[in-house]
Amino acid sequence: MSNILHIISSPRGEASNSIKLANAIIDHLRIKDPGAAVHVKDLTKSPFPHLEEVHLNAFFTPAEKHTQENKSAISHSDQAIAEIMNADVIVIGAPMYNFGVSSTLKAWFDHIARAGITFKYTDHGPEGLIHGKKVYLAVTTGGIYSSGDYVSIDFLTPYLRFMLGFIGLDDVTIFRAEGFAIPGVQDTALEQAIDSIG
């Protein structure tokens, strides 16, 4: 039985296409593994704080020297990393906001990228420390960015791939639902993306 971590970053609830696409991915995974447990982390209902001095101080203070303030400041980060470590599969819903990642999802990445815990610096550069997990991205966009003129202004999927790989998560599959702002495309965008799963 596998553990699936579902990261939600859209505030649109049942109307969210990224949530619908992520749920379809999870449904497909559970067909193959009916006993899979799903843990949902909704970043819009329990948002991670943007990094401030108190968080950075905690990150760079050795654990054995943590004050109560350090422990409180680092609790979001510790919990998020524990959830990732406990997961076998990670499904991230990622709608495009202004050509990039939402601030809620960016804050989550800021809390899980921890030197000495999820990555380390070596003589050959940074090395990710989390391995053996499969990641699926449910990417939704108003325009079409997988091909054509707008590929160069897709700052969402390259960022996600890089950050995941930076902490060692390099087995990533992307499912895209594109064109929700384009007449003639929007009506079938989600259906086509769901049909591509599997």
N, C-alpha and C. Protein backbone atom coordinates (compact mmCIF):
# COMPACT_ATOMS: atom_id res chain seq x y z
N MET A 1 0.84 -1.19 0.00
CA MET A 1 0.00 0.00 0.00
C MET A 1 0.88 1.24 0.00
N SER A 2 0.61 2.14 -0.95
CA SER A 2 1.43 3.35 -1.05
C SER A 2 0.75 4.53 -0.37
N ASN A 3 1.55 5.54 -0.08
CA ASN A 3 1.06 6.78 0.49
C ASN A 3 1.17 7.88 -0.56
N ILE A 4 0.04 8.53 -0.85
CA ILE A 4 -0.01 9.60 -1.84
C ILE A 4 -0.20 10.92 -1.12
N LEU A 5 0.68 11.87 -1.38
CA LEU A 5 0.57 13.22 -0.85
C LEU A 5 0.01 14.13 -1.94
N HIS A 6 -1.15 14.72 -1.69
CA HIS A 6 -1.80 15.61 -2.66
C HIS A 6 -1.64 17.05 -2.20
N ILE A 7 -0.86 17.82 -2.95
CA ILE A 7 -0.63 19.23 -2.64
C ILE A 7 -1.59 20.08 -3.47
N ILE A 8 -2.44 20.83 -2.79
CA ILE A 8 -3.39 21.74 -3.45
C ILE A 8 -2.87 23.17 -3.31
N SER A 9 -2.82 23.91 -4.43
CA SER A 9 -2.36 25.29 -4.35
C SER A 9 -3.37 26.27 -4.95
N SER A 10 -4.51 25.77 -5.39
CA SER A 10 -5.55 26.64 -5.93
C SER A 10 -6.58 26.96 -4.85
N PRO A 11 -7.00 28.23 -4.76
CA PRO A 11 -8.02 28.60 -3.77
C PRO A 11 -9.45 28.43 -4.29
N ARG A 12 -9.62 27.84 -5.47
CA ARG A 12 -10.93 27.83 -6.12
C ARG A 12 -11.80 26.64 -5.74
N GLY A 13 -11.30 25.77 -4.87
CA GLY A 13 -12.11 24.66 -4.39
C GLY A 13 -12.64 23.77 -5.50
N GLU A 14 -13.93 23.45 -5.46
CA GLU A 14 -14.53 22.53 -6.42
C GLU A 14 -14.49 23.06 -7.85
N ALA A 15 -14.32 24.38 -8.02
CA ALA A 15 -14.25 24.96 -9.35
C ALA A 15 -12.85 24.89 -9.96
N SER A 16 -11.88 24.45 -9.18
CA SER A 16 -10.48 24.45 -9.62
C SER A 16 -10.19 23.34 -10.61
N ASN A 17 -9.66 23.71 -11.75
CA ASN A 17 -9.29 22.71 -12.75
C ASN A 17 -8.04 21.94 -12.34
N SER A 18 -7.12 22.60 -11.63
CA SER A 18 -5.91 21.87 -11.19
C SER A 18 -6.27 20.81 -10.16
N ILE A 19 -7.24 21.10 -9.30
CA ILE A 19 -7.69 20.10 -8.33
C ILE A 19 -8.38 18.95 -9.03
N LYS A 20 -9.23 19.27 -10.02
CA LYS A 20 -9.92 18.22 -10.78
C LYS A 20 -8.92 17.32 -11.50
N LEU A 21 -7.90 17.92 -12.10
CA LEU A 21 -6.90 17.14 -12.82
C LEU A 21 -6.07 16.31 -11.84
N ALA A 22 -5.69 16.89 -10.71
CA ALA A 22 -4.93 16.14 -9.71
C ALA A 22 -5.75 14.99 -9.16
N ASN A 23 -7.03 15.22 -8.93
CA ASN A 23 -7.90 14.14 -8.44
C ASN A 23 -8.01 13.01 -9.46
N ALA A 24 -8.03 13.37 -10.75
CA ALA A 24 -8.09 12.34 -11.79
C ALA A 24 -6.81 11.52 -11.81
N ILE A 25 -5.67 12.17 -11.58
CA ILE A 25 -4.40 11.45 -11.49
C ILE A 25 -4.44 10.48 -10.31
N ILE A 26 -4.92 10.96 -9.18
CA ILE A 26 -4.99 10.11 -7.98
C ILE A 26 -5.96 8.95 -8.19
N ASP A 27 -7.10 9.22 -8.85
CA ASP A 27 -8.04 8.14 -9.16
C ASP A 27 -7.37 7.06 -10.00
N HIS A 28 -6.57 7.48 -10.96
CA HIS A 28 -5.86 6.52 -11.81
C HIS A 28 -4.84 5.72 -10.99
N LEU A 29 -4.14 6.38 -10.10
CA LEU A 29 -3.17 5.69 -9.26
C LEU A 29 -3.85 4.67 -8.36
N ARG A 30 -5.05 5.00 -7.87
CA ARG A 30 -5.75 4.11 -6.95
C ARG A 30 -6.40 2.93 -7.66
N ILE A 31 -6.57 3.04 -8.96
CA ILE A 31 -7.00 1.88 -9.73
C ILE A 31 -5.91 0.81 -9.69
N LYS A 32 -4.67 1.27 -9.82
CA LYS A 32 -3.53 0.36 -9.79
C LYS A 32 -3.21 -0.09 -8.36
N ASP A 33 -3.51 0.76 -7.39
CA ASP A 33 -3.20 0.47 -5.99
C ASP A 33 -4.40 0.87 -5.13
N PRO A 34 -5.44 0.02 -5.11
CA PRO A 34 -6.69 0.38 -4.41
C PRO A 34 -6.50 0.70 -2.92
N GLY A 35 -5.45 0.18 -2.33
CA GLY A 35 -5.23 0.42 -0.91
C GLY A 35 -4.44 1.67 -0.60
N ALA A 36 -4.12 2.44 -1.63
CA ALA A 36 -3.30 3.63 -1.43
C ALA A 36 -3.99 4.63 -0.50
N ALA A 37 -3.23 5.18 0.42
CA ALA A 37 -3.75 6.20 1.34
C ALA A 37 -3.41 7.57 0.77
N VAL A 38 -4.37 8.49 0.84
CA VAL A 38 -4.18 9.84 0.30
C VAL A 38 -4.20 10.86 1.43
N HIS A 39 -3.13 11.63 1.52
CA HIS A 39 -3.05 12.73 2.50
C HIS A 39 -3.12 14.04 1.72
N VAL A 40 -4.12 14.85 2.01
CA VAL A 40 -4.31 16.12 1.30
C VAL A 40 -3.71 17.27 2.11
N LYS A 41 -2.89 18.06 1.44
CA LYS A 41 -2.32 19.27 2.04
C LYS A 41 -2.80 20.45 1.21
N ASP A 42 -3.78 21.18 1.72
CA ASP A 42 -4.34 22.33 1.02
C ASP A 42 -3.61 23.58 1.48
N LEU A 43 -2.73 24.07 0.64
CA LEU A 43 -1.90 25.22 1.01
C LEU A 43 -2.69 26.51 1.09
N THR A 44 -3.89 26.52 0.53
CA THR A 44 -4.70 27.74 0.59
C THR A 44 -5.50 27.81 1.89
N LYS A 45 -5.75 26.67 2.52
CA LYS A 45 -6.47 26.66 3.78
C LYS A 45 -5.52 26.72 4.97
N SER A 46 -4.32 26.20 4.78
CA SER A 46 -3.27 26.28 5.81
C SER A 46 -2.01 26.83 5.15
N PRO A 47 -2.02 28.11 4.79
CA PRO A 47 -0.88 28.66 4.02
C PRO A 47 0.40 28.71 4.83
N PHE A 48 1.48 28.50 4.13
CA PHE A 48 2.80 28.62 4.74
C PHE A 48 3.19 30.10 4.77
N PRO A 49 3.77 30.54 5.86
CA PRO A 49 4.18 31.96 5.92
C PRO A 49 5.33 32.22 4.95
N HIS A 50 5.33 33.40 4.37
CA HIS A 50 6.48 33.80 3.57
C HIS A 50 7.69 33.91 4.51
N LEU A 51 8.85 33.56 3.99
CA LEU A 51 10.04 33.52 4.84
C LEU A 51 10.38 34.89 5.40
N GLU A 52 10.58 34.91 6.71
CA GLU A 52 11.00 36.11 7.40
C GLU A 52 12.27 35.78 8.20
N GLU A 53 12.81 36.79 8.86
CA GLU A 53 14.05 36.61 9.60
C GLU A 53 13.96 35.47 10.61
N VAL A 54 12.81 35.35 11.28
CA VAL A 54 12.66 34.33 12.31
C VAL A 54 12.78 32.92 11.73
N HIS A 55 12.28 32.73 10.50
CA HIS A 55 12.39 31.41 9.87
C HIS A 55 13.83 31.12 9.47
N LEU A 56 14.48 32.11 8.86
CA LEU A 56 15.86 31.90 8.41
C LEU A 56 16.78 31.65 9.59
N ASN A 57 16.56 32.37 10.68
CA ASN A 57 17.36 32.13 11.88
C ASN A 57 17.22 30.68 12.35
N ALA A 58 15.99 30.17 12.31
CA ALA A 58 15.75 28.79 12.74
C ALA A 58 16.39 27.80 11.79
N PHE A 59 16.31 28.07 10.48
CA PHE A 59 16.89 27.16 9.49
C PHE A 59 18.39 27.00 9.70
N PHE A 60 19.06 28.09 10.06
CA PHE A 60 20.52 28.07 10.12
C PHE A 60 21.07 27.92 11.53
N THR A 61 20.19 27.62 12.48
CA THR A 61 20.63 27.32 13.84
C THR A 61 20.61 25.82 14.04
N PRO A 62 21.70 25.21 14.51
CA PRO A 62 21.69 23.75 14.74
C PRO A 62 20.53 23.34 15.63
N ALA A 63 19.93 22.20 15.34
CA ALA A 63 18.73 21.75 16.05
C ALA A 63 18.93 21.69 17.55
N GLU A 64 20.14 21.28 17.98
CA GLU A 64 20.38 21.15 19.41
C GLU A 64 20.43 22.51 20.12
N LYS A 65 20.51 23.58 19.35
CA LYS A 65 20.55 24.92 19.93
C LYS A 65 19.25 25.69 19.73
N HIS A 66 18.22 25.01 19.22
CA HIS A 66 16.96 25.69 18.95
C HIS A 66 16.30 26.20 20.23
N THR A 67 15.91 27.45 20.19
CA THR A 67 15.10 28.02 21.25
C THR A 67 13.64 27.67 20.98
N GLN A 68 12.76 28.01 21.87
CA GLN A 68 11.34 27.78 21.64
C GLN A 68 10.86 28.58 20.44
N GLU A 69 11.40 29.78 20.27
CA GLU A 69 11.05 30.60 19.10
C GLU A 69 11.49 29.92 17.82
N ASN A 70 12.70 29.35 17.82
CA ASN A 70 13.19 28.62 16.65
C ASN A 70 12.28 27.45 16.32
N LYS A 71 11.91 26.68 17.34
CA LYS A 71 11.07 25.50 17.14
C LYS A 71 9.71 25.88 16.57
N SER A 72 9.16 26.96 17.05
CA SER A 72 7.87 27.41 16.55
C SER A 72 7.99 27.87 15.10
N ALA A 73 9.05 28.61 14.80
CA ALA A 73 9.24 29.15 13.45
C ALA A 73 9.48 28.06 12.42
N ILE A 74 10.09 26.98 12.84
CA ILE A 74 10.48 25.92 11.91
C ILE A 74 9.44 24.81 11.81
N SER A 75 8.37 24.92 12.57
CA SER A 75 7.39 23.83 12.64
C SER A 75 6.72 23.56 11.30
N HIS A 76 6.38 24.62 10.54
CA HIS A 76 5.76 24.41 9.23
C HIS A 76 6.70 23.62 8.31
N SER A 77 7.94 24.03 8.33
CA SER A 77 8.94 23.38 7.48
C SER A 77 9.13 21.92 7.87
N ASP A 78 9.28 21.66 9.15
CA ASP A 78 9.48 20.28 9.62
C ASP A 78 8.30 19.39 9.25
N GLN A 79 7.09 19.92 9.40
CA GLN A 79 5.90 19.13 9.08
C GLN A 79 5.83 18.84 7.58
N ALA A 80 6.10 19.86 6.76
CA ALA A 80 6.04 19.68 5.30
C ALA A 80 7.06 18.65 4.83
N ILE A 81 8.26 18.71 5.38
CA ILE A 81 9.30 17.75 4.99
C ILE A 81 8.93 16.35 5.45
N ALA A 82 8.36 16.23 6.65
CA ALA A 82 7.93 14.93 7.15
C ALA A 82 6.86 14.33 6.26
N GLU A 83 5.95 15.17 5.75
CA GLU A 83 4.89 14.68 4.86
C GLU A 83 5.48 14.17 3.55
N ILE A 84 6.49 14.86 3.05
CA ILE A 84 7.14 14.40 1.82
C ILE A 84 7.87 13.09 2.07
N MET A 85 8.60 13.01 3.17
CA MET A 85 9.35 11.79 3.48
C MET A 85 8.43 10.59 3.65
N ASN A 86 7.22 10.82 4.15
CA ASN A 86 6.27 9.75 4.39
C ASN A 86 5.56 9.31 3.11
N ALA A 87 5.64 10.10 2.06
CA ALA A 87 4.92 9.82 0.83
C ALA A 87 5.74 8.93 -0.11
N ASP A 88 5.03 8.09 -0.83
CA ASP A 88 5.64 7.34 -1.93
C ASP A 88 5.43 8.07 -3.25
N VAL A 89 4.29 8.74 -3.35
CA VAL A 89 3.90 9.47 -4.55
C VAL A 89 3.43 10.86 -4.13
N ILE A 90 3.82 11.86 -4.90
CA ILE A 90 3.41 13.24 -4.62
C ILE A 90 2.69 13.78 -5.85
N VAL A 91 1.48 14.27 -5.65
CA VAL A 91 0.70 14.87 -6.73
C VAL A 91 0.52 16.35 -6.39
N ILE A 92 1.00 17.22 -7.27
CA ILE A 92 0.94 18.66 -7.01
C ILE A 92 0.05 19.33 -8.04
N GLY A 93 -1.01 19.97 -7.58
CA GLY A 93 -1.84 20.77 -8.45
C GLY A 93 -1.24 22.16 -8.58
N ALA A 94 -0.98 22.58 -9.82
CA ALA A 94 -0.25 23.83 -10.03
C ALA A 94 -0.89 24.66 -11.13
N PRO A 95 -1.83 25.52 -10.78
CA PRO A 95 -2.35 26.47 -11.77
C PRO A 95 -1.32 27.56 -12.04
N MET A 96 -1.30 28.05 -13.26
CA MET A 96 -0.38 29.13 -13.60
C MET A 96 -0.99 30.47 -13.20
N TYR A 97 -0.24 31.25 -12.42
CA TYR A 97 -0.63 32.61 -12.07
C TYR A 97 0.41 33.57 -12.62
N ASN A 98 0.00 34.44 -13.53
CA ASN A 98 0.92 35.45 -14.08
C ASN A 98 2.21 34.81 -14.60
N PHE A 99 2.02 33.72 -15.33
CA PHE A 99 3.10 33.01 -16.03
C PHE A 99 3.98 32.17 -15.11
N GLY A 100 3.66 32.11 -13.83
CA GLY A 100 4.51 31.36 -12.92
C GLY A 100 3.72 30.64 -11.85
N VAL A 101 4.43 30.33 -10.78
CA VAL A 101 3.87 29.56 -9.68
C VAL A 101 3.10 30.48 -8.74
N SER A 102 2.06 29.96 -8.10
CA SER A 102 1.32 30.75 -7.12
C SER A 102 2.19 31.03 -5.91
N SER A 103 1.88 32.11 -5.20
CA SER A 103 2.69 32.47 -4.02
C SER A 103 2.54 31.42 -2.92
N THR A 104 1.38 30.76 -2.85
CA THR A 104 1.20 29.73 -1.83
C THR A 104 2.12 28.54 -2.08
N LEU A 105 2.24 28.15 -3.34
CA LEU A 105 3.11 27.01 -3.67
C LEU A 105 4.57 27.41 -3.55
N LYS A 106 4.89 28.64 -3.91
CA LYS A 106 6.27 29.12 -3.76
C LYS A 106 6.68 29.11 -2.29
N ALA A 107 5.76 29.53 -1.41
CA ALA A 107 6.08 29.53 0.03
C ALA A 107 6.34 28.11 0.52
N TRP A 108 5.58 27.14 0.02
CA TRP A 108 5.78 25.73 0.39
C TRP A 108 7.19 25.29 -0.01
N PHE A 109 7.58 25.61 -1.23
CA PHE A 109 8.94 25.25 -1.68
C PHE A 109 10.00 25.94 -0.81
N ASP A 110 9.75 27.18 -0.42
CA ASP A 110 10.71 27.88 0.42
C ASP A 110 10.92 27.17 1.76
N HIS A 111 9.89 26.50 2.24
CA HIS A 111 9.98 25.81 3.52
C HIS A 111 10.53 24.39 3.40
N ILE A 112 10.47 23.80 2.21
CA ILE A 112 10.99 22.42 2.09
C ILE A 112 12.41 22.38 1.54
N ALA A 113 12.92 23.47 1.01
CA ALA A 113 14.29 23.50 0.53
C ALA A 113 15.20 23.88 1.69
N ARG A 114 15.73 22.89 2.38
CA ARG A 114 16.51 23.11 3.60
C ARG A 114 17.89 22.48 3.47
N ALA A 115 18.91 23.32 3.53
CA ALA A 115 20.29 22.83 3.44
C ALA A 115 20.57 21.85 4.57
N GLY A 116 21.15 20.72 4.22
CA GLY A 116 21.50 19.70 5.19
C GLY A 116 20.36 18.73 5.49
N ILE A 117 19.16 19.03 4.98
CA ILE A 117 18.01 18.17 5.24
C ILE A 117 17.41 17.65 3.94
N THR A 118 17.08 18.56 3.02
CA THR A 118 16.54 18.10 1.73
C THR A 118 17.54 18.28 0.59
N PHE A 119 18.60 19.01 0.84
CA PHE A 119 19.71 19.09 -0.11
C PHE A 119 20.98 19.43 0.66
N LYS A 120 22.12 19.20 0.03
CA LYS A 120 23.39 19.57 0.64
C LYS A 120 24.31 20.14 -0.42
N TYR A 121 25.25 20.93 0.01
CA TYR A 121 26.26 21.49 -0.89
C TYR A 121 27.48 20.56 -0.90
N THR A 122 27.98 20.30 -2.10
CA THR A 122 29.17 19.46 -2.24
C THR A 122 30.19 20.20 -3.11
N ASP A 123 31.35 19.57 -3.30
CA ASP A 123 32.37 20.16 -4.17
C ASP A 123 31.90 20.27 -5.61
N HIS A 124 30.85 19.49 -5.94
CA HIS A 124 30.33 19.48 -7.32
C HIS A 124 29.01 20.23 -7.42
N GLY A 125 28.68 20.99 -6.39
CA GLY A 125 27.44 21.74 -6.41
C GLY A 125 26.40 21.11 -5.50
N PRO A 126 25.18 21.66 -5.50
CA PRO A 126 24.14 21.13 -4.61
C PRO A 126 23.68 19.73 -5.02
N GLU A 127 23.31 18.94 -4.03
CA GLU A 127 22.85 17.56 -4.27
C GLU A 127 21.56 17.34 -3.48
N GLY A 128 20.51 16.89 -4.17
CA GLY A 128 19.25 16.60 -3.51
C GLY A 128 19.35 15.38 -2.62
N LEU A 129 18.60 15.39 -1.53
CA LEU A 129 18.69 14.32 -0.54
C LEU A 129 17.42 13.48 -0.42
N ILE A 130 16.39 13.81 -1.21
CA ILE A 130 15.15 13.02 -1.17
C ILE A 130 15.09 12.18 -2.44
N HIS A 131 14.94 10.88 -2.26
CA HIS A 131 14.96 9.98 -3.42
C HIS A 131 13.87 8.93 -3.31
N GLY A 132 13.63 8.26 -4.44
CA GLY A 132 12.74 7.11 -4.45
C GLY A 132 11.26 7.45 -4.42
N LYS A 133 10.91 8.65 -4.86
CA LYS A 133 9.51 9.06 -4.87
C LYS A 133 9.11 9.50 -6.27
N LYS A 134 7.87 9.22 -6.62
CA LYS A 134 7.33 9.63 -7.91
C LYS A 134 6.51 10.90 -7.74
N VAL A 135 6.68 11.85 -8.65
CA VAL A 135 5.93 13.11 -8.58
C VAL A 135 5.12 13.28 -9.86
N TYR A 136 3.86 13.67 -9.68
CA TYR A 136 3.00 14.04 -10.79
C TYR A 136 2.59 15.50 -10.62
N LEU A 137 2.68 16.26 -11.71
CA LEU A 137 2.25 17.65 -11.69
C LEU A 137 0.97 17.79 -12.50
N ALA A 138 -0.05 18.39 -11.89
CA ALA A 138 -1.29 18.71 -12.59
C ALA A 138 -1.26 20.20 -12.89
N VAL A 139 -0.83 20.54 -14.10
CA VAL A 139 -0.61 21.93 -14.48
C VAL A 139 -1.79 22.43 -15.30
N THR A 140 -2.34 23.58 -14.91
CA THR A 140 -3.46 24.16 -15.65
C THR A 140 -3.14 25.60 -16.01
N THR A 141 -3.49 25.96 -17.25
CA THR A 141 -3.15 27.29 -17.74
C THR A 141 -4.27 27.84 -18.63
N GLY A 142 -4.37 29.17 -18.64
CA GLY A 142 -5.35 29.81 -19.50
C GLY A 142 -4.95 29.77 -20.96
N GLY A 143 -3.64 29.90 -21.22
CA GLY A 143 -3.12 29.81 -22.57
C GLY A 143 -2.51 28.46 -22.84
N ILE A 144 -1.83 28.33 -23.96
CA ILE A 144 -1.15 27.08 -24.33
C ILE A 144 0.35 27.35 -24.29
N TYR A 145 1.04 26.62 -23.41
CA TYR A 145 2.46 26.87 -23.17
C TYR A 145 3.35 25.66 -23.45
N SER A 146 2.75 24.54 -23.81
CA SER A 146 3.56 23.35 -24.07
C SER A 146 4.16 23.37 -25.47
N SER A 147 3.62 24.21 -26.34
CA SER A 147 4.13 24.34 -27.70
C SER A 147 3.75 25.71 -28.23
N GLY A 148 4.38 26.11 -29.31
CA GLY A 148 4.03 27.38 -29.93
C GLY A 148 4.79 28.57 -29.36
N ASP A 149 4.24 29.75 -29.59
CA ASP A 149 4.94 31.00 -29.28
C ASP A 149 5.13 31.26 -27.80
N TYR A 150 4.33 30.62 -26.94
CA TYR A 150 4.36 30.97 -25.52
C TYR A 150 5.23 30.04 -24.66
N VAL A 151 5.91 29.11 -25.28
CA VAL A 151 6.77 28.20 -24.51
C VAL A 151 7.80 28.97 -23.69
N SER A 152 8.36 30.02 -24.28
CA SER A 152 9.45 30.75 -23.61
C SER A 152 8.98 31.55 -22.41
N ILE A 153 7.66 31.77 -22.27
CA ILE A 153 7.19 32.53 -21.11
C ILE A 153 6.46 31.63 -20.11
N ASP A 154 6.67 30.34 -20.23
CA ASP A 154 6.19 29.41 -19.21
C ASP A 154 7.26 29.35 -18.12
N PHE A 155 7.04 30.07 -17.05
CA PHE A 155 7.98 30.05 -15.93
C PHE A 155 7.49 29.12 -14.81
N LEU A 156 6.39 28.44 -15.08
CA LEU A 156 5.80 27.54 -14.08
C LEU A 156 6.45 26.17 -14.10
N THR A 157 6.35 25.46 -15.22
CA THR A 157 6.85 24.08 -15.24
C THR A 157 8.37 23.99 -15.13
N PRO A 158 9.15 24.89 -15.74
CA PRO A 158 10.61 24.81 -15.51
C PRO A 158 10.97 25.02 -14.05
N TYR A 159 10.29 25.96 -13.39
CA TYR A 159 10.55 26.21 -11.97
C TYR A 159 10.23 24.97 -11.14
N LEU A 160 9.07 24.37 -11.39
CA LEU A 160 8.67 23.19 -10.62
C LEU A 160 9.66 22.05 -10.83
N ARG A 161 10.02 21.79 -12.08
CA ARG A 161 10.99 20.71 -12.36
C ARG A 161 12.32 20.98 -11.66
N PHE A 162 12.79 22.22 -11.74
CA PHE A 162 14.09 22.54 -11.14
C PHE A 162 14.05 22.37 -9.64
N MET A 163 13.04 22.95 -8.99
CA MET A 163 12.98 22.89 -7.53
C MET A 163 12.82 21.47 -7.03
N LEU A 164 12.00 20.68 -7.71
CA LEU A 164 11.85 19.28 -7.31
C LEU A 164 13.17 18.53 -7.48
N GLY A 165 13.83 18.74 -8.62
CA GLY A 165 15.12 18.09 -8.86
C GLY A 165 16.18 18.57 -7.89
N PHE A 166 16.11 19.81 -7.49
CA PHE A 166 17.08 20.38 -6.56
C PHE A 166 17.10 19.63 -5.24
N ILE A 167 15.94 19.13 -4.80
CA ILE A 167 15.89 18.38 -3.55
C ILE A 167 15.89 16.87 -3.80
N GLY A 168 16.14 16.47 -5.06
CA GLY A 168 16.32 15.05 -5.38
C GLY A 168 15.13 14.38 -6.03
N LEU A 169 14.03 15.10 -6.19
CA LEU A 169 12.83 14.51 -6.78
C LEU A 169 12.86 14.73 -8.30
N ASP A 170 13.51 13.81 -9.00
CA ASP A 170 13.69 13.98 -10.44
C ASP A 170 12.85 13.04 -11.29
N ASP A 171 12.01 12.21 -10.65
CA ASP A 171 11.10 11.36 -11.40
C ASP A 171 9.75 12.06 -11.46
N VAL A 172 9.60 12.95 -12.46
CA VAL A 172 8.45 13.85 -12.54
C VAL A 172 7.71 13.64 -13.85
N THR A 173 6.40 13.47 -13.76
CA THR A 173 5.54 13.40 -14.93
C THR A 173 4.56 14.57 -14.88
N ILE A 174 4.43 15.26 -16.00
CA ILE A 174 3.56 16.44 -16.06
C ILE A 174 2.34 16.14 -16.92
N PHE A 175 1.16 16.42 -16.39
CA PHE A 175 -0.08 16.40 -17.16
C PHE A 175 -0.57 17.84 -17.23
N ARG A 176 -0.86 18.29 -18.43
CA ARG A 176 -1.26 19.68 -18.65
C ARG A 176 -2.69 19.77 -19.15
N ALA A 177 -3.44 20.67 -18.55
CA ALA A 177 -4.74 21.07 -19.08
C ALA A 177 -4.58 22.53 -19.49
N GLU A 178 -4.63 22.78 -20.79
CA GLU A 178 -4.27 24.10 -21.31
C GLU A 178 -5.41 24.74 -22.09
N GLY A 179 -5.40 26.05 -22.13
CA GLY A 179 -6.31 26.78 -22.99
C GLY A 179 -7.64 27.13 -22.38
N PHE A 180 -7.69 27.24 -21.06
CA PHE A 180 -8.97 27.55 -20.40
C PHE A 180 -9.47 28.97 -20.70
N ALA A 181 -8.62 29.81 -21.26
CA ALA A 181 -9.04 31.17 -21.63
C ALA A 181 -9.24 31.32 -23.13
N ILE A 182 -9.18 30.21 -23.85
CA ILE A 182 -9.25 30.26 -25.32
C ILE A 182 -10.58 29.68 -25.79
N PRO A 183 -11.43 30.49 -26.43
CA PRO A 183 -12.68 29.97 -26.97
C PRO A 183 -12.42 28.84 -27.96
N GLY A 184 -13.23 27.80 -27.89
CA GLY A 184 -13.06 26.67 -28.78
C GLY A 184 -12.10 25.62 -28.24
N VAL A 185 -11.33 26.00 -27.23
CA VAL A 185 -10.38 25.07 -26.60
C VAL A 185 -10.81 24.78 -25.17
N GLN A 186 -11.32 25.82 -24.50
CA GLN A 186 -11.60 25.73 -23.06
C GLN A 186 -12.60 24.64 -22.70
N ASP A 187 -13.54 24.36 -23.58
CA ASP A 187 -14.59 23.41 -23.24
C ASP A 187 -14.09 21.97 -23.13
N THR A 188 -13.00 21.67 -23.81
CA THR A 188 -12.48 20.29 -23.81
C THR A 188 -11.10 20.18 -23.17
N ALA A 189 -10.57 21.29 -22.63
CA ALA A 189 -9.20 21.30 -22.11
C ALA A 189 -9.02 20.29 -20.99
N LEU A 190 -9.94 20.29 -20.03
CA LEU A 190 -9.80 19.37 -18.90
C LEU A 190 -10.01 17.93 -19.33
N GLU A 191 -11.00 17.70 -20.17
CA GLU A 191 -11.29 16.33 -20.62
C GLU A 191 -10.10 15.73 -21.36
N GLN A 192 -9.47 16.53 -22.22
CA GLN A 192 -8.32 16.04 -22.96
C GLN A 192 -7.16 15.72 -22.03
N ALA A 193 -6.96 16.57 -21.02
CA ALA A 193 -5.87 16.31 -20.07
C ALA A 193 -6.13 15.03 -19.29
N ILE A 194 -7.36 14.83 -18.84
CA ILE A 194 -7.69 13.62 -18.09
C ILE A 194 -7.54 12.37 -18.97
N ASP A 195 -7.92 12.51 -20.23
CA ASP A 195 -7.78 11.38 -21.16
C ASP A 195 -6.33 11.00 -21.39
N SER A 196 -5.41 11.96 -21.17
CA SER A 196 -3.99 11.67 -21.40
C SER A 196 -3.35 10.90 -20.25
N ILE A 197 -4.07 10.77 -19.14
CA ILE A 197 -3.52 10.05 -17.99
C ILE A 197 -3.55 8.56 -18.26
N GLY A 198 -2.46 7.90 -17.95
CA GLY A 198 -2.44 6.45 -18.13
C GLY A 198 -1.74 6.04 -19.32
